[in-house]
C-alpha atoms as a PDB file:
ATOM      1  CA  MET A   1      58.617  16.629  21.830  1.00  0.00           C
ATOM      2  CA  LYS A   2      58.344  20.380  22.392  1.00  0.00           C
ATOM      3  CA  LYS A   3      61.320  22.262  23.795  1.00  0.00           C
ATOM      4  CA  CYS A   4      61.569  25.106  26.315  1.00  0.00           C
ATOM      5  CA  ILE A   5      64.587  27.184  27.453  1.00  0.00           C
ATOM      6  CA  ILE A   6      64.473  28.867  30.839  1.00  0.00           C
ATOM      7  CA  THR A   7      67.317  31.172  31.799  1.00  0.00           C
ATOM      8  CA  GLY A   8      68.006  31.216  35.497  1.00  0.00           C
ATOM      9  CA  GLY A   9      66.385  27.801  35.641  1.00  0.00           C
ATOM     10  CA  ASN A  10      68.563  26.552  38.472  1.00  0.00           C
ATOM     11  CA  SER A  11      66.698  28.170  41.391  1.00  0.00           C
ATOM     12  CA  GLY A  12      63.621  29.982  42.554  1.00  0.00           C
ATOM     13  CA  ILE A  13      60.719  30.544  40.131  1.00  0.00           C
ATOM     14  CA  GLY A  14      62.825  29.422  37.152  1.00  0.00           C
ATOM     15  CA  LYS A  15      63.529  26.018  38.702  1.00  0.00           C
ATOM     16  CA  GLN A  16      59.907  25.494  39.663  1.00  0.00           C
ATOM     17  CA  ALA A  17      58.822  26.415  36.140  1.00  0.00           C
ATOM     18  CA  ALA A  18      61.366  23.948  34.740  1.00  0.00           C
ATOM     19  CA  ILE A  19      59.940  21.236  36.932  1.00  0.00           C
ATOM     20  CA  GLN A  20      56.330  21.990  35.977  1.00  0.00           C
ATOM     21  CA  ILE A  21      56.982  22.311  32.274  1.00  0.00           C
ATOM     22  CA  ALA A  22      59.057  19.091  32.211  1.00  0.00           C
ATOM     23  CA  GLN A  23      56.219  17.307  33.952  1.00  0.00           C
ATOM     24  CA  LYS A  24      53.987  18.414  31.095  1.00  0.00           C
ATOM     25  CA  GLY A  25      56.119  16.477  28.637  1.00  0.00           C
ATOM     26  CA  TYR A  26      58.396  19.241  27.329  1.00  0.00           C
ATOM     27  CA  ARG A  27      62.157  18.891  26.977  1.00  0.00           C
ATOM     28  CA  VAL A  28      63.461  21.662  29.181  1.00  0.00           C
ATOM     29  CA  ILE A  29      66.837  23.356  28.924  1.00  0.00           C
ATOM     30  CA  ILE A  30      67.861  25.304  32.002  1.00  0.00           C
ATOM     31  CA  GLY A  31      70.390  28.138  31.656  1.00  0.00           C
ATOM     32  CA  CYS A  32      72.711  29.096  34.502  1.00  0.00           C
ATOM     33  CA  ARG A  33      75.946  31.073  34.625  1.00  0.00           C
ATOM     34  CA  ASN A  34      77.485  28.830  37.264  1.00  0.00           C
ATOM     35  CA  GLU A  35      78.354  25.277  36.108  1.00  0.00           C
ATOM     36  CA  GLU A  36      78.275  23.644  39.526  1.00  0.00           C
ATOM     37  CA  ARG A  37      74.927  25.147  40.562  1.00  0.00           C
ATOM     38  CA  GLY A  38      73.472  24.396  37.091  1.00  0.00           C
ATOM     39  CA  LYS A  39      74.519  20.755  37.137  1.00  0.00           C
ATOM     40  CA  GLN A  40      73.243  20.338  40.651  1.00  0.00           C
ATOM     41  CA  ALA A  41      69.849  21.787  39.704  1.00  0.00           C
ATOM     42  CA  LEU A  42      69.780  19.575  36.609  1.00  0.00           C
ATOM     43  CA  GLU A  43      70.041  16.431  38.661  1.00  0.00           C
ATOM     44  CA  GLU A  44      67.494  17.646  41.163  1.00  0.00           C
ATOM     45  CA  ILE A  45      64.980  18.453  38.425  1.00  0.00           C
ATOM     46  CA  LYS A  46      65.557  15.064  36.749  1.00  0.00           C
ATOM     47  CA  LYS A  47      64.927  13.307  40.065  1.00  0.00           C
ATOM     48  CA  LEU A  48      61.809  15.328  40.917  1.00  0.00           C
ATOM     49  CA  THR A  49      60.269  14.919  37.440  1.00  0.00           C
ATOM     50  CA  ASP A  50      61.468  11.338  36.943  1.00  0.00           C
ATOM     51  CA  THR A  51      62.642  12.226  33.430  1.00  0.00           C
ATOM     52  CA  ASN A  52      65.925  12.625  31.583  1.00  0.00           C
ATOM     53  CA  ASP A  53      64.408  15.199  29.198  1.00  0.00           C
ATOM     54  CA  VAL A  54      66.164  18.059  30.974  1.00  0.00           C
ATOM     55  CA  GLU A  55      69.401  19.735  29.820  1.00  0.00           C
ATOM     56  CA  PHE A  56      71.759  22.389  31.143  1.00  0.00           C
ATOM     57  CA  VAL A  57      73.618  25.106  29.314  1.00  0.00           C
ATOM     58  CA  ILE A  58      76.020  27.614  30.790  1.00  0.00           C
ATOM     59  CA  ILE A  59      74.888  31.137  30.061  1.00  0.00           C
ATOM     60  CA  ASP A  60      75.725  34.511  31.626  1.00  0.00           C
ATOM     61  CA  MET A  61      73.106  36.947  30.427  1.00  0.00           C
ATOM     62  CA  ALA A  62      75.432  39.868  31.120  1.00  0.00           C
ATOM     63  CA  SER A  63      78.048  38.566  28.680  1.00  0.00           C
ATOM     64  CA  LYS A  64      77.672  38.664  24.876  1.00  0.00           C
ATOM     65  CA  ASN A  65      80.333  35.953  24.384  1.00  0.00           C
ATOM     66  CA  SER A  66      78.571  33.657  26.870  1.00  0.00           C
ATOM     67  CA  ILE A  67      75.246  34.170  25.132  1.00  0.00           C
ATOM     68  CA  VAL A  68      76.792  33.453  21.712  1.00  0.00           C
ATOM     69  CA  LYS A  69      78.519  30.311  23.023  1.00  0.00           C
ATOM     70  CA  ALA A  70      75.267  29.073  24.611  1.00  0.00           C
ATOM     71  CA  VAL A  71      73.294  29.722  21.414  1.00  0.00           C
ATOM     72  CA  ASP A  72      75.856  27.794  19.402  1.00  0.00           C
ATOM     73  CA  GLU A  73      75.525  24.879  21.825  1.00  0.00           C
ATOM     74  CA  ILE A  74      71.722  25.005  21.686  1.00  0.00           C
ATOM     75  CA  LYS A  75      71.665  25.121  17.877  1.00  0.00           C
ATOM     76  CA  ALA A  76      74.037  22.136  17.753  1.00  0.00           C
ATOM     77  CA  ARG A  77      71.591  20.120  19.877  1.00  0.00           C
ATOM     78  CA  HIS A  78      68.254  21.351  18.553  1.00  0.00           C
ATOM     79  CA  GLU A  79      66.724  22.494  15.263  1.00  0.00           C
ATOM     80  CA  VAL A  80      63.491  23.800  16.765  1.00  0.00           C
ATOM     81  CA  LEU A  81      62.604  25.751  19.883  1.00  0.00           C
ATOM     82  CA  ASP A  82      59.016  26.240  21.135  1.00  0.00           C
ATOM     83  CA  VAL A  83      59.367  28.354  24.245  1.00  0.00           C
ATOM     84  CA  LEU A  84      61.949  30.852  25.532  1.00  0.00           C
ATOM     85  CA  ILE A  85      61.550  32.185  29.087  1.00  0.00           C
ATOM     86  CA  HIS A  86      63.771  35.052  30.128  1.00  0.00           C
ATOM     87  CA  ASN A  87      63.753  34.338  33.873  1.00  0.00           C
ATOM     88  CA  ALA A  88      67.350  35.170  34.799  1.00  0.00           C
ATOM     89  CA  ALA A  89      67.761  38.506  36.531  1.00  0.00           C
ATOM     90  CA  ASP A  90      70.290  40.598  38.425  1.00  0.00           C
ATOM     91  CA  PHE A  91      68.859  42.184  41.585  1.00  0.00           C
ATOM     92  CA  ASP A  92      71.341  42.096  44.404  1.00  0.00           C
ATOM     93  CA  ILE A  93      69.611  44.199  47.073  1.00  0.00           C
ATOM     94  CA  SER A  94      72.841  44.703  48.958  1.00  0.00           C
ATOM     95  CA  ARG A  95      74.597  46.437  46.033  1.00  0.00           C
ATOM     96  CA  LYS A  96      75.681  49.991  46.719  1.00  0.00           C
ATOM     97  CA  LYS A  97      77.398  50.898  43.439  1.00  0.00           C
ATOM     98  CA  PRO A  98      77.326  49.787  39.810  1.00  0.00           C
ATOM     99  CA  VAL A  99      79.113  46.576  38.811  1.00  0.00           C
ATOM    100  CA  LEU A 100      80.343  46.172  35.235  1.00  0.00           C
ATOM    101  CA  SER A 101      79.744  43.138  33.044  1.00  0.00           C
ATOM    102  CA  PRO A 102      82.503  41.412  31.014  1.00  0.00           C
ATOM    103  CA  ASP A 103      81.511  43.776  28.211  1.00  0.00           C
ATOM    104  CA  GLY A 104      81.940  46.841  30.441  1.00  0.00           C
ATOM    105  CA  ILE A 105      78.218  47.509  30.827  1.00  0.00           C
ATOM    106  CA  GLU A 106      76.375  47.912  34.145  1.00  0.00           C
ATOM    107  CA  THR A 107      75.251  44.406  34.907  1.00  0.00           C
ATOM    108  CA  ILE A 108      71.585  45.025  35.794  1.00  0.00           C
ATOM    109  CA  TRP A 109      70.972  46.773  32.485  1.00  0.00           C
ATOM    110  CA  ALA A 110      73.038  44.090  30.693  1.00  0.00           C
ATOM    111  CA  THR A 111      71.494  41.063  32.369  1.00  0.00           C
ATOM    112  CA  ASN A 112      67.856  42.113  32.588  1.00  0.00           C
ATOM    113  CA  HIS A 113      67.436  43.906  29.295  1.00  0.00           C
ATOM    114  CA  LEU A 114      70.243  43.706  26.769  1.00  0.00           C
ATOM    115  CA  GLY A 115      70.861  39.976  27.346  1.00  0.00           C
ATOM    116  CA  PRO A 116      67.269  38.941  26.677  1.00  0.00           C
ATOM    117  CA  VAL A 117      67.208  41.052  23.510  1.00  0.00           C
ATOM    118  CA  ILE A 118      70.376  39.455  22.228  1.00  0.00           C
ATOM    119  CA  LEU A 119      69.276  35.918  23.135  1.00  0.00           C
ATOM    120  CA  THR A 120      65.871  36.356  21.583  1.00  0.00           C
ATOM    121  CA  ALA A 121      67.284  37.654  18.291  1.00  0.00           C
ATOM    122  CA  SER A 122      69.785  34.747  18.255  1.00  0.00           C
ATOM    123  CA  LEU A 123      67.168  32.100  18.795  1.00  0.00           C
ATOM    124  CA  LEU A 124      64.447  33.476  16.487  1.00  0.00           C
ATOM    125  CA  PRO A 125      65.393  31.107  13.662  1.00  0.00           C
ATOM    126  CA  LEU A 126      64.646  28.134  15.927  1.00  0.00           C
ATOM    127  CA  LEU A 127      61.449  29.700  17.280  1.00  0.00           C
ATOM    128  CA  GLN A 128      60.245  30.357  13.777  1.00  0.00           C
ATOM    129  CA  LYS A 129      60.478  26.639  12.980  1.00  0.00           C
ATOM    130  CA  SER A 130      58.036  25.863  15.818  1.00  0.00           C
ATOM    131  CA  VAL A 131      54.360  25.376  15.048  1.00  0.00           C
ATOM    132  CA  GLN A 132      53.797  28.232  17.468  1.00  0.00           C
ATOM    133  CA  GLY A 133      56.788  29.773  19.197  1.00  0.00           C
ATOM    134  CA  ARG A 134      56.480  31.666  22.445  1.00  0.00           C
ATOM    135  CA  VAL A 135      58.738  34.185  24.181  1.00  0.00           C
ATOM    136  CA  LEU A 136      58.104  35.138  27.823  1.00  0.00           C
ATOM    137  CA  THR A 137      59.757  38.091  29.468  1.00  0.00           C
ATOM    138  CA  ILE A 138      59.631  38.938  33.141  1.00  0.00           C
ATOM    139  CA  ALA A 139      58.799  42.209  34.893  1.00  0.00           C
ATOM    140  CA  SER A 140      57.799  43.009  38.436  1.00  0.00           C
ATOM    141  CA  LYS A 141      54.841  44.244  40.383  1.00  0.00           C
ATOM    142  CA  GLY A 142      57.234  46.564  42.149  1.00  0.00           C
ATOM    143  CA  LEU A 143      56.916  48.837  39.113  1.00  0.00           C
ATOM    144  CA  VAL A 144      53.589  50.032  40.499  1.00  0.00           C
ATOM    145  CA  MET A 145      55.620  51.867  43.143  1.00  0.00           C
ATOM    146  CA  TYR A 146      57.267  53.888  40.327  1.00  0.00           C
ATOM    147  CA  PRO A 147      54.307  55.025  38.169  1.00  0.00           C
ATOM    148  CA  ASN A 148      56.316  57.848  36.627  1.00  0.00           C
ATOM    149  CA  LEU A 149      59.514  55.839  35.977  1.00  0.00           C
ATOM    150  CA  LYS A 150      61.129  56.202  32.530  1.00  0.00           C
ATOM    151  CA  VAL A 151      64.131  54.635  30.916  1.00  0.00           C
ATOM    152  CA  ASP A 152      66.870  57.177  31.191  1.00  0.00           C
ATOM    153  CA  LEU A 153      67.899  57.443  27.541  1.00  0.00           C
ATOM    154  CA  ASP A 154      70.984  59.470  28.372  1.00  0.00           C
ATOM    155  CA  ASP A 155      72.238  57.437  31.328  1.00  0.00           C
ATOM    156  CA  PRO A 156      70.682  53.949  31.675  1.00  0.00           C
ATOM    157  CA  GLU A 157      73.833  52.752  33.444  1.00  0.00           C
ATOM    158  CA  PHE A 158      73.925  55.386  36.202  1.00  0.00           C
ATOM    159  CA  LYS A 159      77.269  56.754  35.142  1.00  0.00           C
ATOM    160  CA  HIS A 160      76.262  60.361  35.859  1.00  0.00           C
ATOM    161  CA  ARG A 161      73.550  59.977  38.506  1.00  0.00           C
ATOM    162  CA  LYS A 162      73.361  58.381  41.912  1.00  0.00           C
ATOM    163  CA  PHE A 163      73.099  54.646  41.678  1.00  0.00           C
ATOM    164  CA  SER A 164      70.100  52.900  43.119  1.00  0.00           C
ATOM    165  CA  VAL A 165      69.834  49.129  42.741  1.00  0.00           C
ATOM    166  CA  ALA A 166      66.055  49.310  42.883  1.00  0.00           C
ATOM    167  CA  LYS A 167      65.770  52.005  40.236  1.00  0.00           C
ATOM    168  CA  ALA A 168      68.287  50.209  38.005  1.00  0.00           C
ATOM    169  CA  TYR A 169      66.322  46.972  38.351  1.00  0.00           C
ATOM    170  CA  TYR A 170      62.905  48.491  37.691  1.00  0.00           C
ATOM    171  CA  GLN A 171      64.246  50.559  34.802  1.00  0.00           C
ATOM    172  CA  SER A 172      65.527  47.339  33.189  1.00  0.00           C
ATOM    173  CA  LYS A 173      62.195  45.633  33.769  1.00  0.00           C
ATOM    174  CA  LEU A 174      60.316  48.581  32.289  1.00  0.00           C
ATOM    175  CA  ALA A 175      62.526  48.283  29.232  1.00  0.00           C
ATOM    176  CA  GLN A 176      61.690  44.571  29.006  1.00  0.00           C
ATOM    177  CA  ILE A 177      57.973  45.298  28.985  1.00  0.00           C
ATOM    178  CA  MET A 178      58.446  47.724  26.107  1.00  0.00           C
ATOM    179  CA  PHE A 179      60.644  45.237  24.281  1.00  0.00           C
ATOM    180  CA  THR A 180      57.885  42.644  24.640  1.00  0.00           C
ATOM    181  CA  TYR A 181      55.299  44.918  23.018  1.00  0.00           C
ATOM    182  CA  ARG A 182      57.631  45.602  20.129  1.00  0.00           C
ATOM    183  CA  LEU A 183      58.565  41.954  19.685  1.00  0.00           C
ATOM    184  CA  ALA A 184      54.926  40.905  19.664  1.00  0.00           C
ATOM    185  CA  GLU A 185      54.233  43.387  16.845  1.00  0.00           C
ATOM    186  CA  LYS A 186      57.269  42.428  14.752  1.00  0.00           C
ATOM    187  CA  GLN A 187      56.731  38.633  15.040  1.00  0.00           C
ATOM    188  CA  LYS A 188      53.010  38.419  14.508  1.00  0.00           C
ATOM    189  CA  GLU A 189      53.524  37.209  10.935  1.00  0.00           C
ATOM    190  CA  ASN A 190      55.960  34.475  12.083  1.00  0.00           C
ATOM    191  CA  ASN A 191      53.504  32.728  14.416  1.00  0.00           C
ATOM    192  CA  ILE A 192      55.568  33.761  17.436  1.00  0.00           C
ATOM    193  CA  THR A 193      53.897  35.271  20.485  1.00  0.00           C
ATOM    194  CA  ALA A 194      55.530  37.488  23.081  1.00  0.00           C
ATOM    195  CA  ASN A 195      54.015  38.128  26.497  1.00  0.00           C
ATOM    196  CA  CYS A 196      55.327  39.524  29.752  1.00  0.00           C
ATOM    197  CA  ILE A 197      54.709  38.320  33.334  1.00  0.00           C
ATOM    198  CA  ARG A 198      54.344  40.740  36.226  1.00  0.00           C
ATOM    199  CA  VAL A 199      55.912  38.792  39.120  1.00  0.00           C
ATOM    200  CA  THR A 200      54.449  39.588  42.511  1.00  0.00           C
ATOM    201  CA  ASN A 201      56.097  39.320  45.926  1.00  0.00           C
ATOM    202  CA  VAL A 202      57.728  35.863  46.098  1.00  0.00           C
ATOM    203  CA  LYS A 203      59.370  34.412  49.176  1.00  0.00           C
ATOM    204  CA  ILE A 204      63.142  34.640  48.916  1.00  0.00           C
ATOM    205  CA  ASP A 205      66.004  33.332  50.991  1.00  0.00           C
ATOM    206  CA  ILE A 206      67.343  36.510  52.498  1.00  0.00           C
ATOM    207  CA  ASN A 207      70.502  34.582  53.536  1.00  0.00           C
ATOM    208  CA  ARG A 208      71.542  34.819  49.874  1.00  0.00           C
ATOM    209  CA  TYR A 209      72.360  38.483  50.661  1.00  0.00           C
ATOM    210  CA  PRO A 210      74.796  38.383  53.635  1.00  0.00           C
ATOM    211  CA  ASN A 211      75.729  42.054  53.176  1.00  0.00           C
ATOM    212  CA  VAL A 212      72.188  43.380  53.369  1.00  0.00           C
ATOM    213  CA  SER A 213      71.395  45.728  56.320  1.00  0.00           C
ATOM    214  CA  ALA A 214      69.405  44.625  59.361  1.00  0.00           C
ATOM    215  CA  PHE A 215      66.653  47.034  58.302  1.00  0.00           C
ATOM    216  CA  MET A 216      66.328  45.496  54.871  1.00  0.00           C
ATOM    217  CA  LYS A 217      66.270  42.019  56.392  1.00  0.00           C
ATOM    218  CA  TRP A 218      63.338  43.183  58.537  1.00  0.00           C
ATOM    219  CA  VAL A 219      61.599  44.648  55.548  1.00  0.00           C
ATOM    220  CA  TYR A 220      61.909  41.419  53.526  1.00  0.00           C
ATOM    221  CA  LYS A 221      60.812  39.400  56.526  1.00  0.00           C
ATOM    222  CA  LEU A 222      57.678  41.586  56.681  1.00  0.00           C
ATOM    223  CA  LYS A 223      57.104  41.271  52.950  1.00  0.00           C
ATOM    224  CA  SER A 224      57.380  37.516  53.075  1.00  0.00           C
ATOM    225  CA  LYS A 225      54.216  37.331  55.137  1.00  0.00           C
ATOM    226  CA  SER A 226      52.214  38.456  52.095  1.00  0.00           C
ATOM    227  CA  SER A 227      54.373  36.676  49.515  1.00  0.00           C
ATOM    228  CA  ILE A 228      53.552  33.582  47.537  1.00  0.00           C
ATOM    229  CA  SER A 229      55.830  30.651  46.905  1.00  0.00           C
ATOM    230  CA  ALA A 230      58.108  30.291  43.865  1.00  0.00           C
ATOM    231  CA  GLU A 231      56.112  27.203  42.927  1.00  0.00           C
ATOM    232  CA  GLU A 232      52.848  29.183  42.894  1.00  0.00           C
ATOM    233  CA  MET A 233      54.334  31.963  40.771  1.00  0.00           C
ATOM    234  CA  ALA A 234      55.787  29.417  38.386  1.00  0.00           C
ATOM    235  CA  LYS A 235      52.278  28.225  37.533  1.00  0.00           C
ATOM    236  CA  THR A 236      51.762  31.404  35.572  1.00  0.00           C
ATOM    237  CA  TYR A 237      55.031  30.793  33.668  1.00  0.00           C
ATOM    238  CA  THR A 238      53.854  27.277  32.844  1.00  0.00           C
ATOM    239  CA  TRP A 239      50.380  28.363  31.781  1.00  0.00           C
ATOM    240  CA  LEU A 240      51.720  31.022  29.422  1.00  0.00           C
ATOM    241  CA  ALA A 241      54.312  28.599  28.063  1.00  0.00           C
ATOM    242  CA  ILE A 242      52.044  25.692  27.183  1.00  0.00           C
ATOM    243  CA  ALA A 243      48.316  26.604  27.278  1.00  0.00           C
ATOM    244  CA  PRO A 244      46.801  25.871  23.847  1.00  0.00           C
ATOM    245  CA  GLU A 245      44.209  28.592  24.254  1.00  0.00           C
ATOM    246  CA  LEU A 246      47.008  31.219  24.203  1.00  0.00           C
ATOM    247  CA  CYS A 247      48.427  30.313  20.776  1.00  0.00           C
ATOM    248  CA  ASN A 248      47.179  33.598  19.272  1.00  0.00           C
ATOM    249  CA  VAL A 249      47.562  35.813  22.341  1.00  0.00           C
ATOM    250  CA  SER A 250      50.481  38.223  22.153  1.00  0.00           C
ATOM    251  CA  GLY A 251      51.685  41.552  23.485  1.00  0.00           C
ATOM    252  CA  LYS A 252      49.950  41.119  26.855  1.00  0.00           C
ATOM    253  CA  TYR A 253      51.070  41.659  30.449  1.00  0.00           C
ATOM    254  CA  TYR A 254      49.931  39.033  32.941  1.00  0.00           C
ATOM    255  CA  ASN A 255      49.857  38.937  36.729  1.00  0.00           C
ATOM    256  CA  GLU A 256      50.229  35.927  39.011  1.00  0.00           C
ATOM    257  CA  LYS A 257      46.513  35.175  38.736  1.00  0.00           C
ATOM    258  CA  ASN A 258      46.805  34.776  34.962  1.00  0.00           C
ATOM    259  CA  LYS A 259      44.887  38.045  34.410  1.00  0.00           C
ATOM    260  CA  VAL A 260      45.875  40.721  31.926  1.00  0.00           C
ATOM    261  CA  VAL A 261      47.014  43.910  33.663  1.00  0.00           C
ATOM    262  CA  SER A 262      48.109  47.243  32.316  1.00  0.00           C
ATOM    263  CA  SER A 263      51.627  48.630  32.376  1.00  0.00           C
ATOM    264  CA  SER A 264      52.344  52.331  32.683  1.00  0.00           C
ATOM    265  CA  LYS A 265      51.171  54.900  30.141  1.00  0.00           C
ATOM    266  CA  TYR A 266      54.847  55.628  29.395  1.00  0.00           C
ATOM    267  CA  SER A 267      55.538  51.979  28.490  1.00  0.00           C
ATOM    268  CA  LEU A 268      52.527  51.833  26.114  1.00  0.00           C
ATOM    269  CA  ASP A 269      53.459  54.906  24.086  1.00  0.00           C
ATOM    270  CA  GLU A 270      54.863  53.944  20.646  1.00  0.00           C
ATOM    271  CA  LYS A 271      57.338  56.846  20.520  1.00  0.00           C
ATOM    272  CA  ASN A 272      58.704  55.866  23.915  1.00  0.00           C
ATOM    273  CA  ILE A 273      59.057  52.288  22.754  1.00  0.00           C
ATOM    274  CA  ASP A 274      60.819  53.469  19.615  1.00  0.00           C
ATOM    275  CA  ASP A 275      63.270  55.519  21.765  1.00  0.00           C
ATOM    276  CA  VAL A 276      64.011  52.632  24.096  1.00  0.00           C
ATOM    277  CA  MET A 277      64.604  50.249  21.231  1.00  0.00           C
ATOM    278  CA  LYS A 278      66.827  52.754  19.439  1.00  0.00           C
ATOM    279  CA  LEU A 279      68.897  53.011  22.643  1.00  0.00           C
ATOM    280  CA  THR A 280      69.005  49.266  22.861  1.00  0.00           C
ATOM    281  CA  HIS A 281      70.306  48.953  19.302  1.00  0.00           C
ATOM    282  CA  VAL A 282      73.006  51.504  20.049  1.00  0.00           C
ATOM    283  CA  TYR A 283      74.297  49.018  22.644  1.00  0.00           C
ATOM    284  CA  LEU A 284      73.884  46.060  20.301  1.00  0.00           C
ATOM    285  CA  ASP A 285      75.862  47.891  17.592  1.00  0.00           C
ATOM    286  CA  LYS A 286      78.668  48.557  20.070  1.00  0.00           C
ATOM    287  CA  LEU A 287      78.673  44.841  20.917  1.00  0.00           C
ATOM    288  CA  ASN A 288      78.604  43.955  17.189  1.00  0.00           C
ATOM    289  CA  CYS A 289      75.318  42.058  17.601  1.00  0.00           C
END
């Protein structure tokens, strides 16, 4: 039986992808930083899929220690991993100032970029044992609103510039696209593919953000009219995770219609990718990864 890990698999798109992939006969491991919410989602997914081939692991993608502990637990249970989906993300639209992770790093940068890099590297030995391992990273269609966005190599954590939750989020997602391209190139000899998904507007429960302004509530209510469901968006996750025709497809960026789209010119430039990955490794070295 093939195995798939989905971070943030307890709600939203991640949960819907877990359901769909489990229904396709995969053993699915959902990652969640909250034990209560994770176990509740686990039972719901088991009930909806009528299978016990679903597991839960506690993992906070902003914490190196949490990632290491989760990896140890996963390796103790499994010798092979076929799919890794980096769905978990930090994007609290009500946030006004940076919040630091347990490692003292701004949480959006830590959760959305550094965490996936650490987790991927840690699970590569299991992915390499798969007949064809797959890594899926997640970006956002919202990046099209920032065509000139770059990763701030001097201040990715907004220590010396005005904090913007949107810019912090899209910067982290831009970095993930670039990481995907580099990972695809480095793993092509190991029969591991890496692709990125451009998530479009998906209906969200605005009540999850009680501190958001009335204006932002109105904006999201307006956006929801043109948004798709989490279940519909998850179909792209599932397709990229299991479709046999994609076994040799790597380094691509897909939209919600399963079509290849282009990321920004900045993100495609090899020197820029080098610079972002060098910055990433500076953080990893500080974390002793």
